[in-house]
Amino acid sequence: MGDLIGLTIEQACAGLDKGDFTASELAIAHISEMEGVRSLNCWITETPESTLELASQSDERRKKGEVGVMEGIP
């Protein structure tokens, strides 16, 4: 799976398309990164539960071949 945090949007889209990782895995990586730097106080509102639900829905759409342009990008 590698470092999902350092991917460009183009690389993340390509990885999702190839099945290298899921939208849920990508979301979890970004949530973990956010939690690791919380002390920087960079976010006004954190919504990890919503993010994980939306990523799961994206994974389901991807399984059905219903892929949008930015499908699965956190």
C-alpha atoms as a PDB file:
ATOM      1  CA  MET A   1       0.000   0.000   0.000  1.00  0.00           C
ATOM      2  CA  GLY A   2       2.869   2.372   0.672  1.00  0.00           C
ATOM      3  CA  ASP A   3       2.657   5.974   1.819  1.00  0.00           C
ATOM      4  CA  LEU A   4      -0.867   7.101   1.010  1.00  0.00           C
ATOM      5  CA  ILE A   5      -0.345  10.529   2.561  1.00  0.00           C
ATOM      6  CA  GLY A   6       2.324  11.638   0.093  1.00  0.00           C
ATOM      7  CA  LEU A   7       0.306  10.861  -3.039  1.00  0.00           C
ATOM      8  CA  THR A   8      -0.796  13.562  -5.419  1.00  0.00           C
ATOM      9  CA  ILE A   9      -4.489  13.559  -6.327  1.00  0.00           C
ATOM     10  CA  GLU A  10      -3.549  12.094  -9.712  1.00  0.00           C
ATOM     11  CA  GLN A  11      -1.565   9.284  -8.051  1.00  0.00           C
ATOM     12  CA  ALA A  12      -4.368   8.610  -5.565  1.00  0.00           C
ATOM     13  CA  CYS A  13      -6.941   8.403  -8.385  1.00  0.00           C
ATOM     14  CA  ALA A  14      -4.687   6.018 -10.315  1.00  0.00           C
ATOM     15  CA  GLY A  15      -4.149   3.828  -7.241  1.00  0.00           C
ATOM     16  CA  LEU A  16      -7.876   3.671  -6.588  1.00  0.00           C
ATOM     17  CA  ASP A  17      -8.523   2.810 -10.249  1.00  0.00           C
ATOM     18  CA  LYS A  18      -5.933  -0.003 -10.160  1.00  0.00           C
ATOM     19  CA  GLY A  19      -7.222  -1.325  -6.861  1.00  0.00           C
ATOM     20  CA  ASP A  20      -3.927  -0.730  -5.051  1.00  0.00           C
ATOM     21  CA  PHE A  21      -5.954   0.570  -2.090  1.00  0.00           C
ATOM     22  CA  THR A  22      -9.544   1.499  -1.289  1.00  0.00           C
ATOM     23  CA  ALA A  23     -11.090   4.873  -0.549  1.00  0.00           C
ATOM     24  CA  SER A  24     -11.534   3.661   3.019  1.00  0.00           C
ATOM     25  CA  GLU A  25      -7.834   2.877   3.358  1.00  0.00           C
ATOM     26  CA  LEU A  26      -6.962   6.263   1.892  1.00  0.00           C
ATOM     27  CA  ALA A  27      -9.339   8.002   4.309  1.00  0.00           C
ATOM     28  CA  ILE A  28      -7.951   6.088   7.309  1.00  0.00           C
ATOM     29  CA  ALA A  29      -4.406   7.106   6.362  1.00  0.00           C
ATOM     30  CA  HIS A  30      -5.393  10.769   6.187  1.00  0.00           C
ATOM     31  CA  ILE A  31      -7.386  10.613   9.430  1.00  0.00           C
ATOM     32  CA  SER A  32      -4.387   9.031  11.180  1.00  0.00           C
ATOM     33  CA  GLU A  33      -2.124  11.762   9.827  1.00  0.00           C
ATOM     34  CA  MET A  34      -4.557  14.423  11.016  1.00  0.00           C
ATOM     35  CA  GLU A  35      -4.669  12.884  14.482  1.00  0.00           C
ATOM     36  CA  GLY A  36      -0.869  12.812  14.586  1.00  0.00           C
ATOM     37  CA  VAL A  37      -0.588  16.563  14.039  1.00  0.00           C
ATOM     38  CA  ARG A  38      -3.647  17.693  15.998  1.00  0.00           C
ATOM     39  CA  SER A  39      -1.399  19.814  18.218  1.00  0.00           C
ATOM     40  CA  LEU A  40      -0.856  22.155  15.244  1.00  0.00           C
ATOM     41  CA  ASN A  41      -4.514  23.184  15.587  1.00  0.00           C
ATOM     42  CA  CYS A  42      -5.005  23.276  11.794  1.00  0.00           C
ATOM     43  CA  TRP A  43      -8.637  22.197  11.568  1.00  0.00           C
ATOM     44  CA  ILE A  44     -11.789  23.976  12.621  1.00  0.00           C
ATOM     45  CA  THR A  45     -13.978  20.874  12.452  1.00  0.00           C
ATOM     46  CA  GLU A  46     -12.929  17.223  12.329  1.00  0.00           C
ATOM     47  CA  THR A  47     -15.404  14.734  10.867  1.00  0.00           C
ATOM     48  CA  PRO A  48     -13.666  11.335  10.781  1.00  0.00           C
ATOM     49  CA  GLU A  49     -16.911   9.347  11.175  1.00  0.00           C
ATOM     50  CA  SER A  50     -18.485  11.125   8.221  1.00  0.00           C
ATOM     51  CA  THR A  51     -15.288  10.737   6.205  1.00  0.00           C
ATOM     52  CA  LEU A  52     -15.215   6.978   6.801  1.00  0.00           C
ATOM     53  CA  GLU A  53     -18.896   6.624   5.872  1.00  0.00           C
ATOM     54  CA  LEU A  54     -18.411   8.572   2.641  1.00  0.00           C
ATOM     55  CA  ALA A  55     -15.302   6.527   1.808  1.00  0.00           C
ATOM     56  CA  SER A  56     -17.248   3.303   2.351  1.00  0.00           C
ATOM     57  CA  GLN A  57     -19.997   4.557   0.046  1.00  0.00           C
ATOM     58  CA  SER A  58     -17.352   5.445  -2.536  1.00  0.00           C
ATOM     59  CA  ASP A  59     -15.897   1.929  -2.316  1.00  0.00           C
ATOM     60  CA  GLU A  60     -19.370   0.483  -2.967  1.00  0.00           C
ATOM     61  CA  ARG A  61     -19.897   2.735  -6.001  1.00  0.00           C
ATOM     62  CA  ARG A  62     -16.464   1.756  -7.320  1.00  0.00           C
ATOM     63  CA  LYS A  63     -17.411  -1.946  -7.060  1.00  0.00           C
ATOM     64  CA  LYS A  64     -20.460  -1.182  -9.227  1.00  0.00           C
ATOM     65  CA  GLY A  65     -18.367   0.739 -11.772  1.00  0.00           C
ATOM     66  CA  GLU A  66     -19.999   4.034 -10.828  1.00  0.00           C
ATOM     67  CA  VAL A  67     -16.822   6.084 -10.609  1.00  0.00           C
ATOM     68  CA  GLY A  68     -16.846   9.888 -10.618  1.00  0.00           C
ATOM     69  CA  VAL A  69     -13.880  12.089 -11.485  1.00  0.00           C
ATOM     70  CA  MET A  70     -12.728  12.550  -7.886  1.00  0.00           C
ATOM     71  CA  GLU A  71     -14.316   9.375  -6.528  1.00  0.00           C
ATOM     72  CA  GLY A  72     -12.677   8.317  -3.263  1.00  0.00           C
ATOM     73  CA  ILE A  73     -10.392  11.319  -2.801  1.00  0.00           C
ATOM     74  CA  PRO A  74     -10.542  12.583   0.795  1.00  0.00           C
END
